[in-house]
Every structure is written in C-alpha cells, then in structure tokens.
C-alpha cells in the first residue's frame, strides 16, 4: 500500500517526478503517439500534470502544468486529467499517478472486459507492489469500459474502486492502464511490475 502521507512538494519537485515517469514510459514504448499522462501530487490542493499534446518520451518542464485537484479545469489540461484528479480526491495516500498504453495491458483489458476484472496470482513479482509480501497473493485489477466523456469515466472508476481490494492500478478496456503509488519513484516500480506481470499473463494465456 502507499505510505499514509505523500510528501509536500514544490512545483519544480513535482514536475521532476512527472518527467521521470514520462521518460521512463517513453523509453519503453508505453506512450505511443503522445498518448499517456503522468501526475504528481504537490499537496492536498494541487498537482503537477502533463499538458495536453506533450511528447512524453521527451518531456520537459514546459510540458507540465500545475492544476487544482478540485476546481476549474486548467486550459492546458489533457482530456484525461479528470481521471488523475479524481484519484487524488478519493485517496489522499496517493502521491503520483501514471497512465500508459503497454501492449499487454491494452490487449488484456479487452480480453477480460466482460468479466470486469483481471486476476494476477502466483507470480513472484507481485511482491514489487507495496504491501504485498508473498507470491501467493491474489491481485484483482478492475477493468472499466472506455468512455470519451472523461468526467463520467472518472466517476465510474471511483465507483468501481470504492471499497475494492488493494491494487495500485486499474485497466480501461481497449485503452490502457492507470498505476499509482505514494511517490513517483514507487509509481515507476509499480509501472514496471505491472508491465512484466501483464506480459507474463498474456503469454501464459496465449499458450494454453
């Protein structure tokens, strides 16, 4: 689980975390065609987010904006900003959020969309997630249907996640993966773990 209180950060510190996550994802091909979004909580009122249209693989501070967690939409905010901000409002322990489009996540999100959940179990790398201490853990990743109205989609996500098991992420069917942690560093670890685990799951399902 994320630590209870994420650190309070300046915009420059938060932007550094956003850039680190974006470039990490970009180097691995998880944000094709300027897709994906990244954010870091500054405090209980503000967050740093990637601006609309920014090239995540080559992101710099010019491509990061400061936005209110609850308030009017920033003019440079991406369409998916509501999904980040809703998570921050709902879960004060979250300090950073990543949205990426890895191939395995996108395929599995469609394959298991009808079930509404994808279960990961028995994989040693599950222990990369904060709070998981054994490969015998079962992690259920919620899957929600895609919607171009991201305010409505954000509300649906929070409804699905309310009271859900501890899983630092969810899938949007045919779209991609959202991942979070207490800090940008922890979120990067969760991103990498999800990518490996979903790739392993996809391979196993495809060879049955």
N, C-alpha and C. Protein backbone atom coordinates (compact mmCIF):
# COMPACT_ATOMS: atom_id res chain seq x y z
N UNK A 1 0.84 -1.20 0.00
CA UNK A 1 0.00 0.00 0.00
C UNK A 1 0.87 1.24 0.00
N UNK A 2 0.39 2.35 -0.57
CA UNK A 2 1.14 3.58 -0.49
C UNK A 2 1.27 4.02 0.97
N UNK A 3 2.35 4.76 1.29
CA UNK A 3 2.51 5.28 2.64
C UNK A 3 1.39 6.27 2.93
N UNK A 4 1.02 6.47 4.21
CA UNK A 4 -0.17 7.27 4.55
C UNK A 4 -0.12 8.72 4.09
N UNK A 5 1.05 9.35 4.12
CA UNK A 5 1.12 10.78 3.82
C UNK A 5 2.18 11.02 2.75
N UNK A 6 1.78 11.32 1.52
CA UNK A 6 2.76 11.66 0.49
C UNK A 6 3.47 12.96 0.86
N UNK A 7 4.70 13.15 0.41
CA UNK A 7 5.43 14.38 0.75
C UNK A 7 4.80 15.60 0.10
N UNK A 8 4.94 16.76 0.76
CA UNK A 8 4.53 18.04 0.16
C UNK A 8 5.67 18.52 -0.73
N UNK A 9 5.36 18.84 -1.97
CA UNK A 9 6.38 19.17 -2.96
C UNK A 9 6.14 20.53 -3.58
N UNK A 10 7.21 21.18 -4.01
CA UNK A 10 7.10 22.38 -4.84
C UNK A 10 6.73 21.94 -6.26
N UNK A 11 6.34 22.93 -7.09
CA UNK A 11 6.04 22.58 -8.47
C UNK A 11 7.26 21.98 -9.15
N UNK A 12 8.44 22.55 -8.93
CA UNK A 12 9.66 22.05 -9.58
C UNK A 12 9.94 20.60 -9.16
N UNK A 13 9.76 20.29 -7.88
CA UNK A 13 9.99 18.93 -7.41
C UNK A 13 8.97 17.97 -8.01
N UNK A 14 7.71 18.38 -8.04
CA UNK A 14 6.67 17.53 -8.61
C UNK A 14 6.88 17.32 -10.11
N UNK A 15 7.24 18.39 -10.81
CA UNK A 15 7.49 18.29 -12.25
C UNK A 15 8.63 17.34 -12.54
N UNK A 16 9.65 17.32 -11.69
CA UNK A 16 10.75 16.38 -11.86
C UNK A 16 10.25 14.94 -11.82
N UNK A 17 9.33 14.66 -10.90
CA UNK A 17 8.74 13.33 -10.82
C UNK A 17 7.89 12.99 -12.03
N UNK A 18 7.11 13.95 -12.50
CA UNK A 18 6.29 13.75 -13.70
C UNK A 18 7.19 13.42 -14.89
N UNK A 19 8.24 14.19 -15.07
CA UNK A 19 9.16 13.98 -16.19
C UNK A 19 9.84 12.63 -16.09
N UNK A 20 10.24 12.22 -14.89
CA UNK A 20 10.89 10.93 -14.71
C UNK A 20 9.97 9.78 -15.11
N UNK A 21 8.71 9.84 -14.68
CA UNK A 21 7.76 8.78 -15.05
C UNK A 21 7.51 8.77 -16.55
N UNK A 22 7.32 9.95 -17.13
CA UNK A 22 7.02 10.04 -18.56
C UNK A 22 8.16 9.52 -19.41
N UNK A 23 9.37 9.90 -19.08
CA UNK A 23 10.52 9.45 -19.87
C UNK A 23 10.78 7.96 -19.68
N UNK A 24 10.54 7.46 -18.47
CA UNK A 24 10.68 6.03 -18.21
C UNK A 24 9.72 5.25 -19.11
N UNK A 25 8.46 5.71 -19.16
CA UNK A 25 7.47 5.05 -20.01
C UNK A 25 7.80 5.22 -21.49
N UNK A 26 8.24 6.42 -21.87
CA UNK A 26 8.56 6.67 -23.27
C UNK A 26 9.69 5.80 -23.76
N UNK A 27 10.70 5.58 -22.93
CA UNK A 27 11.84 4.77 -23.32
C UNK A 27 11.45 3.32 -23.55
N UNK A 28 10.32 2.91 -22.99
CA UNK A 28 9.88 1.52 -23.12
C UNK A 28 8.70 1.35 -24.08
N UNK A 29 8.35 2.42 -24.78
CA UNK A 29 7.30 2.32 -25.79
C UNK A 29 5.91 2.22 -25.23
N UNK A 30 5.70 2.72 -24.01
CA UNK A 30 4.39 2.60 -23.37
C UNK A 30 3.49 3.80 -23.63
N UNK A 31 3.99 4.82 -24.32
CA UNK A 31 3.18 6.03 -24.57
C UNK A 31 3.29 6.43 -26.05
N UNK A 32 2.85 5.56 -26.97
CA UNK A 32 2.99 5.86 -28.39
C UNK A 32 2.12 7.05 -28.82
N UNK A 33 2.61 7.80 -29.80
CA UNK A 33 1.84 8.88 -30.43
C UNK A 33 1.34 9.92 -29.42
N UNK A 34 2.18 10.33 -28.51
CA UNK A 34 1.90 11.32 -27.45
C UNK A 34 0.82 10.86 -26.47
N UNK A 35 0.48 9.57 -26.46
CA UNK A 35 -0.53 9.07 -25.52
C UNK A 35 0.03 9.03 -24.11
N UNK A 36 -0.81 8.71 -23.16
CA UNK A 36 -0.40 8.59 -21.78
C UNK A 36 -0.43 9.92 -21.05
N UNK A 37 -0.46 9.84 -19.73
CA UNK A 37 -0.46 11.02 -18.88
C UNK A 37 0.18 10.68 -17.55
N UNK A 38 0.79 11.69 -16.92
CA UNK A 38 1.50 11.47 -15.66
C UNK A 38 1.27 12.66 -14.74
N UNK A 39 1.24 12.39 -13.44
CA UNK A 39 1.00 13.46 -12.49
C UNK A 39 1.64 13.14 -11.15
N UNK A 40 1.92 14.20 -10.39
CA UNK A 40 2.46 14.07 -9.04
C UNK A 40 1.72 15.06 -8.15
N UNK A 41 1.24 14.60 -7.01
CA UNK A 41 0.57 15.46 -6.05
C UNK A 41 1.59 16.41 -5.41
N UNK A 42 1.25 17.69 -5.34
CA UNK A 42 2.08 18.66 -4.65
C UNK A 42 1.68 18.79 -3.17
N UNK A 43 0.38 18.88 -2.93
CA UNK A 43 -0.17 18.93 -1.58
C UNK A 43 -1.63 18.53 -1.69
N UNK A 44 -2.44 18.88 -0.70
CA UNK A 44 -3.84 18.43 -0.75
C UNK A 44 -4.70 19.26 -1.69
N UNK A 45 -4.11 20.28 -2.32
CA UNK A 45 -4.89 21.15 -3.21
C UNK A 45 -4.40 21.17 -4.65
N UNK A 46 -3.15 20.81 -4.88
CA UNK A 46 -2.56 21.00 -6.20
C UNK A 46 -1.80 19.76 -6.66
N UNK A 47 -1.70 19.62 -7.98
CA UNK A 47 -0.91 18.54 -8.57
C UNK A 47 -0.23 19.06 -9.84
N UNK A 48 0.90 18.47 -10.17
CA UNK A 48 1.58 18.72 -11.44
C UNK A 48 1.19 17.63 -12.41
N UNK A 49 0.74 18.01 -13.62
CA UNK A 49 0.28 17.04 -14.62
C UNK A 49 0.91 17.33 -15.98
N UNK A 50 1.00 16.30 -16.80
CA UNK A 50 1.42 16.51 -18.18
C UNK A 50 0.35 17.32 -18.91
N UNK A 51 0.80 18.27 -19.71
CA UNK A 51 -0.12 19.10 -20.50
C UNK A 51 -0.60 18.33 -21.73
N UNK A 52 -1.70 18.75 -22.29
CA UNK A 52 -2.24 18.09 -23.47
C UNK A 52 -1.26 18.16 -24.64
N UNK A 53 -1.13 17.05 -25.36
CA UNK A 53 -0.31 17.01 -26.56
C UNK A 53 1.18 16.88 -26.34
N UNK A 54 1.63 16.84 -25.09
CA UNK A 54 3.07 16.78 -24.83
C UNK A 54 3.64 15.44 -25.26
N UNK A 55 4.85 15.48 -25.81
CA UNK A 55 5.57 14.26 -26.17
C UNK A 55 6.19 13.70 -24.90
N UNK A 56 5.61 12.62 -24.37
CA UNK A 56 6.02 12.12 -23.07
C UNK A 56 7.44 11.58 -23.08
N UNK A 57 7.88 11.01 -24.19
CA UNK A 57 9.22 10.44 -24.25
C UNK A 57 10.31 11.50 -24.14
N UNK A 58 9.98 12.74 -24.49
CA UNK A 58 10.96 13.83 -24.45
C UNK A 58 10.45 14.97 -23.56
N UNK A 59 9.66 14.64 -22.57
CA UNK A 59 9.00 15.66 -21.75
C UNK A 59 10.02 16.52 -21.00
N UNK A 60 9.74 17.82 -20.94
CA UNK A 60 10.49 18.73 -20.07
C UNK A 60 9.48 19.55 -19.28
N UNK A 61 9.95 20.49 -18.48
CA UNK A 61 9.06 21.23 -17.60
C UNK A 61 8.03 22.06 -18.35
N UNK A 62 8.31 22.42 -19.60
CA UNK A 62 7.34 23.18 -20.40
C UNK A 62 6.09 22.36 -20.69
N UNK A 63 6.22 21.05 -20.63
CA UNK A 63 5.08 20.17 -20.88
C UNK A 63 4.35 19.74 -19.63
N UNK A 64 4.63 20.41 -18.50
CA UNK A 64 3.99 20.08 -17.23
C UNK A 64 3.24 21.31 -16.72
N UNK A 65 2.04 21.11 -16.22
CA UNK A 65 1.22 22.20 -15.70
C UNK A 65 0.92 21.97 -14.22
N UNK A 66 0.56 23.04 -13.52
CA UNK A 66 0.08 22.94 -12.15
C UNK A 66 -1.44 23.12 -12.17
N UNK A 67 -2.15 22.18 -11.60
CA UNK A 67 -3.61 22.23 -11.65
C UNK A 67 -4.20 22.02 -10.27
N UNK A 68 -5.39 22.57 -10.05
CA UNK A 68 -6.11 22.37 -8.80
C UNK A 68 -6.69 20.96 -8.77
N UNK A 69 -6.54 20.28 -7.66
CA UNK A 69 -7.12 18.94 -7.53
C UNK A 69 -8.64 19.01 -7.54
N UNK A 70 -9.19 20.06 -6.98
CA UNK A 70 -10.64 20.31 -7.04
C UNK A 70 -10.83 21.75 -7.45
N UNK A 71 -11.33 21.96 -8.65
CA UNK A 71 -11.52 23.32 -9.13
C UNK A 71 -11.67 23.36 -10.63
N UNK A 72 -11.67 24.54 -11.23
CA UNK A 72 -11.84 24.68 -12.68
C UNK A 72 -10.73 23.96 -13.44
N UNK A 73 -11.05 23.46 -14.63
CA UNK A 73 -10.07 22.75 -15.44
C UNK A 73 -9.03 23.72 -16.00
N UNK A 74 -7.79 23.32 -15.90
CA UNK A 74 -6.69 24.12 -16.45
C UNK A 74 -6.83 24.15 -17.97
N UNK A 75 -6.58 25.30 -18.63
CA UNK A 75 -6.75 25.38 -20.09
C UNK A 75 -5.82 24.45 -20.88
N UNK A 76 -4.71 24.05 -20.30
CA UNK A 76 -3.78 23.14 -20.99
C UNK A 76 -3.90 21.71 -20.49
N UNK A 77 -4.89 21.43 -19.67
CA UNK A 77 -5.04 20.07 -19.14
C UNK A 77 -5.48 19.12 -20.24
N UNK A 78 -4.98 17.90 -20.19
CA UNK A 78 -5.39 16.90 -21.17
C UNK A 78 -6.80 16.42 -20.86
N UNK A 79 -7.40 15.74 -21.82
CA UNK A 79 -8.76 15.22 -21.63
C UNK A 79 -8.83 14.23 -20.48
N UNK A 80 -7.71 13.58 -20.16
CA UNK A 80 -7.72 12.55 -19.13
C UNK A 80 -7.33 13.06 -17.75
N UNK A 81 -7.12 14.38 -17.64
CA UNK A 81 -6.79 14.94 -16.32
C UNK A 81 -7.83 14.61 -15.26
N UNK A 82 -9.15 14.58 -15.57
CA UNK A 82 -10.13 14.25 -14.52
C UNK A 82 -9.89 12.90 -13.85
N UNK A 83 -9.33 11.95 -14.59
CA UNK A 83 -9.07 10.63 -14.01
C UNK A 83 -7.97 10.68 -12.95
N UNK A 84 -6.98 11.53 -13.18
CA UNK A 84 -5.93 11.73 -12.18
C UNK A 84 -6.49 12.46 -10.97
N UNK A 85 -7.16 13.56 -11.20
CA UNK A 85 -7.60 14.41 -10.11
C UNK A 85 -8.65 13.72 -9.24
N UNK A 86 -9.50 12.91 -9.85
CA UNK A 86 -10.49 12.17 -9.07
C UNK A 86 -9.82 11.18 -8.13
N UNK A 87 -8.73 10.54 -8.58
CA UNK A 87 -7.98 9.62 -7.73
C UNK A 87 -7.37 10.36 -6.54
N UNK A 88 -6.80 11.53 -6.79
CA UNK A 88 -6.20 12.31 -5.70
C UNK A 88 -7.26 12.72 -4.68
N UNK A 89 -8.44 13.10 -5.16
CA UNK A 89 -9.51 13.49 -4.23
C UNK A 89 -9.98 12.30 -3.40
N UNK A 90 -10.03 11.14 -4.03
CA UNK A 90 -10.58 9.97 -3.35
C UNK A 90 -9.58 9.29 -2.43
N UNK A 91 -8.30 9.42 -2.72
CA UNK A 91 -7.28 8.65 -1.98
C UNK A 91 -6.11 9.55 -1.60
N UNK A 92 -6.14 10.16 -0.43
CA UNK A 92 -5.08 11.08 -0.01
C UNK A 92 -3.70 10.44 0.08
N UNK A 93 -3.62 9.10 0.16
CA UNK A 93 -2.33 8.43 0.25
C UNK A 93 -1.61 8.36 -1.09
N UNK A 94 -2.31 8.64 -2.18
CA UNK A 94 -1.69 8.58 -3.50
C UNK A 94 -0.89 9.85 -3.75
N UNK A 95 0.38 9.68 -4.13
CA UNK A 95 1.24 10.82 -4.40
C UNK A 95 1.63 10.99 -5.85
N UNK A 96 1.42 9.96 -6.67
CA UNK A 96 1.78 10.04 -8.09
C UNK A 96 0.96 9.04 -8.88
N UNK A 97 0.63 9.40 -10.13
CA UNK A 97 -0.21 8.55 -10.99
C UNK A 97 0.38 8.51 -12.39
N UNK A 98 0.35 7.33 -12.98
CA UNK A 98 0.83 7.12 -14.34
C UNK A 98 -0.27 6.50 -15.18
N UNK A 99 -0.40 6.95 -16.40
CA UNK A 99 -1.33 6.33 -17.36
C UNK A 99 -0.54 5.95 -18.59
N UNK A 100 -0.52 4.66 -18.91
CA UNK A 100 0.30 4.17 -20.02
C UNK A 100 -0.46 3.17 -20.87
N UNK A 101 0.10 2.92 -22.05
CA UNK A 101 -0.56 2.08 -23.05
C UNK A 101 0.36 0.94 -23.48
N UNK A 102 0.82 0.15 -22.54
CA UNK A 102 1.63 -1.00 -22.92
C UNK A 102 0.77 -1.99 -23.69
N UNK A 103 1.41 -2.76 -24.56
CA UNK A 103 0.67 -3.68 -25.42
C UNK A 103 -0.10 -4.72 -24.60
N UNK A 104 0.56 -5.34 -23.63
CA UNK A 104 -0.09 -6.39 -22.84
C UNK A 104 -1.29 -5.83 -22.08
N UNK A 105 -1.14 -4.65 -21.49
CA UNK A 105 -2.25 -4.05 -20.74
C UNK A 105 -3.44 -3.78 -21.66
N UNK A 106 -3.17 -3.28 -22.85
CA UNK A 106 -4.25 -2.93 -23.77
C UNK A 106 -4.99 -4.17 -24.25
N UNK A 107 -4.23 -5.22 -24.60
CA UNK A 107 -4.87 -6.46 -25.07
C UNK A 107 -5.68 -7.13 -23.96
N UNK A 108 -5.08 -7.27 -22.80
CA UNK A 108 -5.78 -7.94 -21.69
C UNK A 108 -6.99 -7.15 -21.22
N UNK A 109 -6.93 -5.83 -21.33
CA UNK A 109 -8.08 -5.02 -20.92
C UNK A 109 -9.30 -5.32 -21.79
N UNK A 110 -9.07 -5.66 -23.05
CA UNK A 110 -10.18 -6.05 -23.93
C UNK A 110 -10.60 -7.49 -23.69
N UNK A 111 -9.62 -8.35 -23.55
CA UNK A 111 -9.91 -9.77 -23.40
C UNK A 111 -10.75 -10.06 -22.16
N UNK A 112 -10.52 -9.32 -21.09
CA UNK A 112 -11.22 -9.58 -19.82
C UNK A 112 -12.27 -8.51 -19.50
N UNK A 113 -12.61 -7.70 -20.49
CA UNK A 113 -13.54 -6.58 -20.23
C UNK A 113 -14.89 -7.07 -19.72
N UNK A 114 -15.40 -8.15 -20.30
CA UNK A 114 -16.72 -8.63 -19.88
C UNK A 114 -16.72 -9.07 -18.42
N UNK A 115 -15.63 -9.68 -17.98
CA UNK A 115 -15.53 -10.12 -16.58
C UNK A 115 -15.39 -8.92 -15.64
N UNK A 116 -14.85 -7.82 -16.14
CA UNK A 116 -14.70 -6.63 -15.31
C UNK A 116 -13.53 -6.66 -14.36
N UNK A 117 -12.70 -7.70 -14.46
CA UNK A 117 -11.55 -7.82 -13.57
C UNK A 117 -10.54 -8.78 -14.19
N UNK A 118 -9.28 -8.55 -13.91
CA UNK A 118 -8.21 -9.46 -14.31
C UNK A 118 -7.45 -9.86 -13.05
N UNK A 119 -7.39 -11.15 -12.78
CA UNK A 119 -6.70 -11.62 -11.57
C UNK A 119 -5.27 -12.03 -11.90
N UNK A 120 -4.34 -11.53 -11.10
CA UNK A 120 -2.94 -11.95 -11.16
C UNK A 120 -2.65 -12.73 -9.89
N UNK A 121 -2.10 -13.93 -10.03
CA UNK A 121 -1.81 -14.73 -8.85
C UNK A 121 -0.64 -15.66 -9.12
N UNK A 122 0.13 -15.92 -8.09
CA UNK A 122 1.22 -16.89 -8.17
C UNK A 122 2.52 -16.37 -8.73
N UNK A 123 2.55 -15.10 -9.17
CA UNK A 123 3.76 -14.55 -9.76
C UNK A 123 4.64 -13.95 -8.67
N UNK A 124 5.94 -14.28 -8.67
CA UNK A 124 6.87 -13.76 -7.67
C UNK A 124 6.91 -12.23 -7.67
N UNK A 125 6.80 -11.62 -8.86
CA UNK A 125 6.95 -10.18 -8.95
C UNK A 125 5.76 -9.41 -8.36
N UNK A 126 4.72 -10.11 -7.94
CA UNK A 126 3.65 -9.42 -7.22
C UNK A 126 4.19 -8.70 -5.99
N UNK A 127 5.31 -9.19 -5.47
CA UNK A 127 5.90 -8.57 -4.28
C UNK A 127 6.51 -7.20 -4.57
N UNK A 128 6.56 -6.80 -5.84
CA UNK A 128 7.02 -5.46 -6.17
C UNK A 128 5.99 -4.40 -5.78
N UNK A 129 4.73 -4.82 -5.60
CA UNK A 129 3.68 -3.89 -5.19
C UNK A 129 3.76 -3.64 -3.69
N UNK A 130 3.67 -2.39 -3.29
CA UNK A 130 3.74 -2.05 -1.87
C UNK A 130 2.65 -2.77 -1.09
N UNK A 131 3.04 -3.40 0.00
CA UNK A 131 2.10 -4.10 0.85
C UNK A 131 1.93 -5.57 0.53
N UNK A 132 2.49 -6.05 -0.59
CA UNK A 132 2.40 -7.46 -0.96
C UNK A 132 3.70 -8.15 -0.53
N UNK A 133 3.60 -9.22 0.23
CA UNK A 133 4.78 -9.86 0.80
C UNK A 133 4.99 -11.30 0.35
N UNK A 134 4.09 -11.83 -0.49
CA UNK A 134 4.22 -13.21 -0.91
C UNK A 134 3.71 -13.41 -2.33
N UNK A 135 4.33 -14.36 -3.02
CA UNK A 135 3.87 -14.69 -4.38
C UNK A 135 2.49 -15.37 -4.35
N UNK A 136 2.06 -15.79 -3.17
CA UNK A 136 0.75 -16.44 -3.05
C UNK A 136 -0.40 -15.44 -3.03
N UNK A 137 -0.09 -14.16 -3.11
CA UNK A 137 -1.13 -13.13 -3.12
C UNK A 137 -1.96 -13.21 -4.40
N UNK A 138 -3.18 -12.73 -4.31
CA UNK A 138 -4.06 -12.59 -5.47
C UNK A 138 -4.39 -11.11 -5.62
N UNK A 139 -4.08 -10.56 -6.79
CA UNK A 139 -4.34 -9.16 -7.08
C UNK A 139 -5.39 -9.08 -8.18
N UNK A 140 -6.52 -8.45 -7.88
CA UNK A 140 -7.58 -8.27 -8.88
C UNK A 140 -7.50 -6.85 -9.43
N UNK A 141 -7.24 -6.75 -10.73
CA UNK A 141 -7.17 -5.44 -11.39
C UNK A 141 -8.55 -5.12 -11.96
N UNK A 142 -9.21 -4.08 -11.45
CA UNK A 142 -10.53 -3.72 -12.01
C UNK A 142 -10.40 -3.28 -13.47
N UNK A 143 -11.41 -3.58 -14.26
CA UNK A 143 -11.48 -3.14 -15.66
C UNK A 143 -12.78 -2.39 -15.85
N UNK A 144 -12.69 -1.17 -16.35
CA UNK A 144 -13.89 -0.38 -16.61
C UNK A 144 -14.02 -0.15 -18.12
N UNK A 145 -15.25 -0.01 -18.63
CA UNK A 145 -15.44 0.27 -20.05
C UNK A 145 -14.96 1.67 -20.39
N UNK A 146 -14.45 1.83 -21.60
CA UNK A 146 -13.96 3.13 -22.05
C UNK A 146 -15.13 4.10 -22.28
N UNK A 147 -14.83 5.38 -22.18
CA UNK A 147 -15.84 6.42 -22.38
C UNK A 147 -15.09 7.69 -22.76
N UNK A 148 -15.50 8.36 -23.84
CA UNK A 148 -14.84 9.58 -24.25
C UNK A 148 -15.15 10.76 -23.33
N UNK A 149 -16.22 10.65 -22.54
CA UNK A 149 -16.54 11.65 -21.53
C UNK A 149 -15.73 11.29 -20.28
N UNK A 150 -14.58 11.93 -20.10
CA UNK A 150 -13.67 11.51 -19.04
C UNK A 150 -14.14 11.93 -17.64
N UNK A 151 -14.98 12.93 -17.53
CA UNK A 151 -15.57 13.24 -16.23
C UNK A 151 -16.50 12.11 -15.80
N UNK A 152 -17.29 11.62 -16.73
CA UNK A 152 -18.18 10.50 -16.43
C UNK A 152 -17.37 9.24 -16.16
N UNK A 153 -16.30 9.05 -16.96
CA UNK A 153 -15.44 7.88 -16.77
C UNK A 153 -14.77 7.91 -15.40
N UNK A 154 -14.29 9.09 -15.00
CA UNK A 154 -13.65 9.22 -13.69
C UNK A 154 -14.62 8.86 -12.57
N UNK A 155 -15.87 9.28 -12.70
CA UNK A 155 -16.88 8.96 -11.68
C UNK A 155 -17.13 7.45 -11.63
N UNK A 156 -17.17 6.81 -12.80
CA UNK A 156 -17.36 5.36 -12.85
C UNK A 156 -16.19 4.63 -12.20
N UNK A 157 -14.98 5.08 -12.51
CA UNK A 157 -13.79 4.46 -11.93
C UNK A 157 -13.85 4.52 -10.41
N UNK A 158 -14.14 5.70 -9.88
CA UNK A 158 -14.16 5.83 -8.42
C UNK A 158 -15.27 5.00 -7.79
N UNK A 159 -16.38 4.86 -8.50
CA UNK A 159 -17.45 3.99 -8.01
C UNK A 159 -16.98 2.54 -7.95
N UNK A 160 -16.25 2.11 -8.99
CA UNK A 160 -15.73 0.74 -9.03
C UNK A 160 -14.66 0.51 -7.98
N UNK A 161 -13.82 1.51 -7.74
CA UNK A 161 -12.70 1.33 -6.82
C UNK A 161 -13.10 1.48 -5.37
N UNK A 162 -14.22 2.07 -5.09
CA UNK A 162 -14.65 2.29 -3.71
C UNK A 162 -14.80 0.95 -2.99
N UNK A 163 -13.96 0.75 -1.98
CA UNK A 163 -14.03 -0.49 -1.22
C UNK A 163 -13.39 -1.68 -1.91
N UNK A 164 -12.71 -1.45 -3.05
CA UNK A 164 -12.07 -2.55 -3.78
C UNK A 164 -10.83 -3.03 -3.04
N UNK A 165 -10.35 -4.21 -3.42
CA UNK A 165 -9.13 -4.74 -2.81
C UNK A 165 -7.95 -3.83 -3.15
N UNK A 166 -6.89 -3.98 -2.38
CA UNK A 166 -5.73 -3.13 -2.56
C UNK A 166 -4.99 -3.54 -3.83
N UNK A 167 -5.11 -2.72 -4.85
CA UNK A 167 -4.41 -2.93 -6.11
C UNK A 167 -4.03 -1.55 -6.62
N UNK A 168 -2.75 -1.28 -6.86
CA UNK A 168 -2.34 0.08 -7.24
C UNK A 168 -2.55 0.38 -8.72
N UNK A 169 -3.71 0.01 -9.24
CA UNK A 169 -3.97 0.30 -10.64
C UNK A 169 -5.31 -0.23 -11.11
N UNK A 170 -5.71 0.19 -12.31
CA UNK A 170 -6.91 -0.34 -12.96
C UNK A 170 -6.72 -0.24 -14.47
N UNK A 171 -7.53 -0.99 -15.20
CA UNK A 171 -7.50 -1.02 -16.65
C UNK A 171 -8.75 -0.38 -17.22
N UNK A 172 -8.60 0.30 -18.36
CA UNK A 172 -9.73 0.78 -19.14
C UNK A 172 -9.77 -0.06 -20.41
N UNK A 173 -10.90 -0.67 -20.68
CA UNK A 173 -11.00 -1.64 -21.77
C UNK A 173 -10.60 -1.04 -23.12
N UNK A 174 -9.67 -1.68 -23.79
CA UNK A 174 -9.21 -1.24 -25.10
C UNK A 174 -8.41 0.04 -25.07
N UNK A 175 -8.03 0.48 -23.89
CA UNK A 175 -7.40 1.78 -23.73
C UNK A 175 -6.02 1.66 -23.09
N UNK A 176 -5.96 1.30 -21.82
CA UNK A 176 -4.66 1.22 -21.17
C UNK A 176 -4.78 1.05 -19.68
N UNK A 177 -3.70 1.40 -19.00
CA UNK A 177 -3.53 1.10 -17.58
C UNK A 177 -3.26 2.38 -16.79
N UNK A 178 -3.90 2.51 -15.63
CA UNK A 178 -3.58 3.55 -14.66
C UNK A 178 -2.88 2.90 -13.48
N UNK A 179 -1.81 3.53 -13.01
CA UNK A 179 -0.98 3.00 -11.92
C UNK A 179 -0.68 4.13 -10.95
N UNK A 180 -0.57 3.84 -9.66
CA UNK A 180 -0.23 4.89 -8.71
C UNK A 180 0.64 4.35 -7.58
N UNK A 181 1.17 5.31 -6.81
CA UNK A 181 1.99 5.00 -5.65
C UNK A 181 2.09 6.22 -4.77
N UNK A 182 2.84 6.11 -3.68
CA UNK A 182 3.00 7.23 -2.76
C UNK A 182 3.91 8.31 -3.33
N UNK A 183 4.83 7.91 -4.20
CA UNK A 183 5.78 8.83 -4.81
C UNK A 183 5.97 8.45 -6.28
N UNK A 184 6.63 9.32 -7.02
CA UNK A 184 6.93 8.99 -8.42
C UNK A 184 7.83 7.76 -8.50
N UNK A 185 8.79 7.65 -7.58
CA UNK A 185 9.70 6.50 -7.58
C UNK A 185 8.94 5.21 -7.36
N UNK A 186 8.03 5.19 -6.39
CA UNK A 186 7.24 4.00 -6.14
C UNK A 186 6.33 3.69 -7.33
N UNK A 187 5.78 4.71 -7.94
CA UNK A 187 4.90 4.51 -9.10
C UNK A 187 5.67 3.93 -10.27
N UNK A 188 6.89 4.36 -10.49
CA UNK A 188 7.72 3.77 -11.55
C UNK A 188 7.93 2.28 -11.28
N UNK A 189 8.20 1.92 -10.03
CA UNK A 189 8.35 0.50 -9.71
C UNK A 189 7.07 -0.27 -10.00
N UNK A 190 5.94 0.32 -9.65
CA UNK A 190 4.66 -0.33 -9.93
C UNK A 190 4.40 -0.44 -11.43
N UNK A 191 4.76 0.60 -12.19
CA UNK A 191 4.62 0.56 -13.65
C UNK A 191 5.39 -0.61 -14.24
N UNK A 192 6.65 -0.73 -13.83
CA UNK A 192 7.49 -1.79 -14.37
C UNK A 192 6.98 -3.17 -13.97
N UNK A 193 6.52 -3.30 -12.72
CA UNK A 193 5.97 -4.57 -12.26
C UNK A 193 4.71 -4.94 -13.02
N UNK A 194 3.81 -3.98 -13.20
CA UNK A 194 2.59 -4.25 -13.96
C UNK A 194 2.93 -4.69 -15.38
N UNK A 195 3.86 -4.00 -16.03
CA UNK A 195 4.20 -4.35 -17.40
C UNK A 195 4.71 -5.79 -17.49
N UNK A 196 5.62 -6.17 -16.59
CA UNK A 196 6.14 -7.54 -16.62
C UNK A 196 5.04 -8.55 -16.33
N UNK A 197 4.25 -8.30 -15.28
CA UNK A 197 3.22 -9.24 -14.88
C UNK A 197 2.15 -9.41 -15.96
N UNK A 198 1.74 -8.30 -16.59
CA UNK A 198 0.73 -8.40 -17.64
C UNK A 198 1.28 -9.07 -18.87
N UNK A 199 2.55 -8.84 -19.19
CA UNK A 199 3.17 -9.54 -20.32
C UNK A 199 3.25 -11.03 -20.04
N UNK A 200 3.60 -11.40 -18.81
CA UNK A 200 3.65 -12.81 -18.43
C UNK A 200 2.27 -13.44 -18.49
N UNK A 201 1.27 -12.71 -18.00
CA UNK A 201 -0.11 -13.20 -18.03
C UNK A 201 -0.59 -13.41 -19.45
N UNK A 202 -0.30 -12.44 -20.32
CA UNK A 202 -0.70 -12.55 -21.72
C UNK A 202 -0.04 -13.75 -22.38
N UNK A 203 1.25 -13.93 -22.14
CA UNK A 203 1.96 -15.06 -22.74
C UNK A 203 1.38 -16.37 -22.25
N UNK A 204 1.11 -16.48 -20.95
CA UNK A 204 0.57 -17.70 -20.40
C UNK A 204 -0.81 -18.01 -20.99
N UNK A 205 -1.66 -17.00 -21.08
CA UNK A 205 -2.99 -17.20 -21.65
C UNK A 205 -2.91 -17.61 -23.12
N UNK A 206 -1.97 -17.04 -23.84
CA UNK A 206 -1.85 -17.30 -25.28
C UNK A 206 -1.27 -18.66 -25.60
N UNK A 207 -0.65 -19.31 -24.61
CA UNK A 207 -0.02 -20.60 -24.86
C UNK A 207 -0.79 -21.76 -24.21
N UNK A 208 -1.96 -21.45 -23.64
CA UNK A 208 -2.76 -22.51 -23.03
C UNK A 208 -3.36 -23.42 -24.09
